[in-house]
Protein backbone atom coordinates (compact mmCIF):
# COMPACT_ATOMS: atom_id res chain seq x y z
CA MET A 1 1.84 28.68 37.06
CA ARG A 2 -1.16 26.38 37.43
CA THR A 3 -2.76 27.84 34.33
CA MET A 4 -0.02 26.28 32.19
CA LEU A 5 -0.65 22.75 33.45
CA PRO A 6 -3.84 22.09 31.40
CA THR A 7 -2.16 23.51 28.31
CA PHE A 8 0.88 21.30 28.86
CA LEU A 9 -1.28 18.21 29.34
CA ARG A 10 -3.35 18.95 26.21
CA LEU A 11 -0.22 19.50 24.15
CA THR A 12 1.31 16.27 25.46
CA VAL A 13 -1.83 14.28 24.55
CA ILE A 14 -1.99 15.85 21.08
CA ILE A 15 1.66 15.02 20.39
CA ALA A 16 1.21 11.44 21.65
CA ILE A 17 -1.83 10.93 19.42
CA ALA A 18 0.03 12.41 16.44
CA LEU A 19 2.94 10.02 16.98
CA VAL A 20 0.60 7.03 17.16
CA VAL A 21 -1.17 8.12 13.96
CA ILE A 22 2.15 8.57 12.15
CA ALA A 23 3.30 5.12 13.29
CA LEU A 24 0.04 3.50 12.12
CA LEU A 25 0.20 5.27 8.75
CA GLY A 26 3.77 4.09 8.28
CA TRP A 27 2.75 0.51 9.04
CA ALA A 28 -0.25 0.74 6.69
CA LEU A 29 1.92 2.26 3.96
CA HIS A 30 4.35 -0.63 4.35
CA LEU A 31 1.52 -3.12 3.84
CA ILE A 32 0.19 -1.19 0.84
CA VAL A 33 3.60 -1.20 -0.84
CA ILE A 34 3.97 -4.96 -0.32
CA ALA A 35 0.45 -5.55 -1.68
CA ALA A 36 1.21 -3.41 -4.74
CA ILE A 37 4.40 -5.37 -5.45
CA VAL A 38 2.59 -8.70 -5.16
CA ALA A 39 -0.21 -7.46 -7.43
CA ALA A 40 2.32 -6.23 -10.02
CA VAL A 41 4.06 -9.61 -10.06
CA ILE A 42 0.74 -11.45 -10.51
CA VAL A 43 -0.43 -9.13 -13.31
CA GLY A 44 2.95 -9.49 -15.05
CA ALA A 45 2.80 -13.27 -14.80
CA LEU A 46 -0.73 -13.32 -16.23
CA PHE A 47 0.36 -11.05 -19.08
CA LEU A 48 3.27 -13.31 -19.95
CA TYR A 49 1.12 -16.43 -19.68
CA ASN A 50 -1.50 -14.99 -22.03
CA MET A 51 1.19 -13.86 -24.48
CA VAL A 52 2.79 -17.31 -24.61
CA ARG A 53 -0.58 -19.07 -24.83
CA ARG A 54 -1.67 -16.96 -27.83
CA ARG A 55 1.54 -17.70 -29.74
CA ALA A 56 1.38 -21.45 -29.13
CA GLY A 57 -1.85 -21.92 -31.12
CA VAL A 58 -2.16 -22.77 -34.81
CA PRO A 59 -2.65 -19.69 -37.02
CA VAL A 60 -6.29 -19.16 -37.94
CA ILE A 61 -7.45 -17.58 -41.21
CA ARG A 62 -10.57 -15.51 -40.68
CA ARG A 63 -12.82 -14.07 -43.36
């Protein structure tokens, strides 16, 4: 019966580490999604700003 104790302890440690890694990845993924949303809003706002700014100017005739 004592031969199972080291195996049980190793398995317990591996499962605990796996749970911690999964929790950290979930937290990091949450931050990445929020950062992507913020970046998309900023890029969209810049696109709209540049579109409005180009239309506001006087037409230019180029040769």
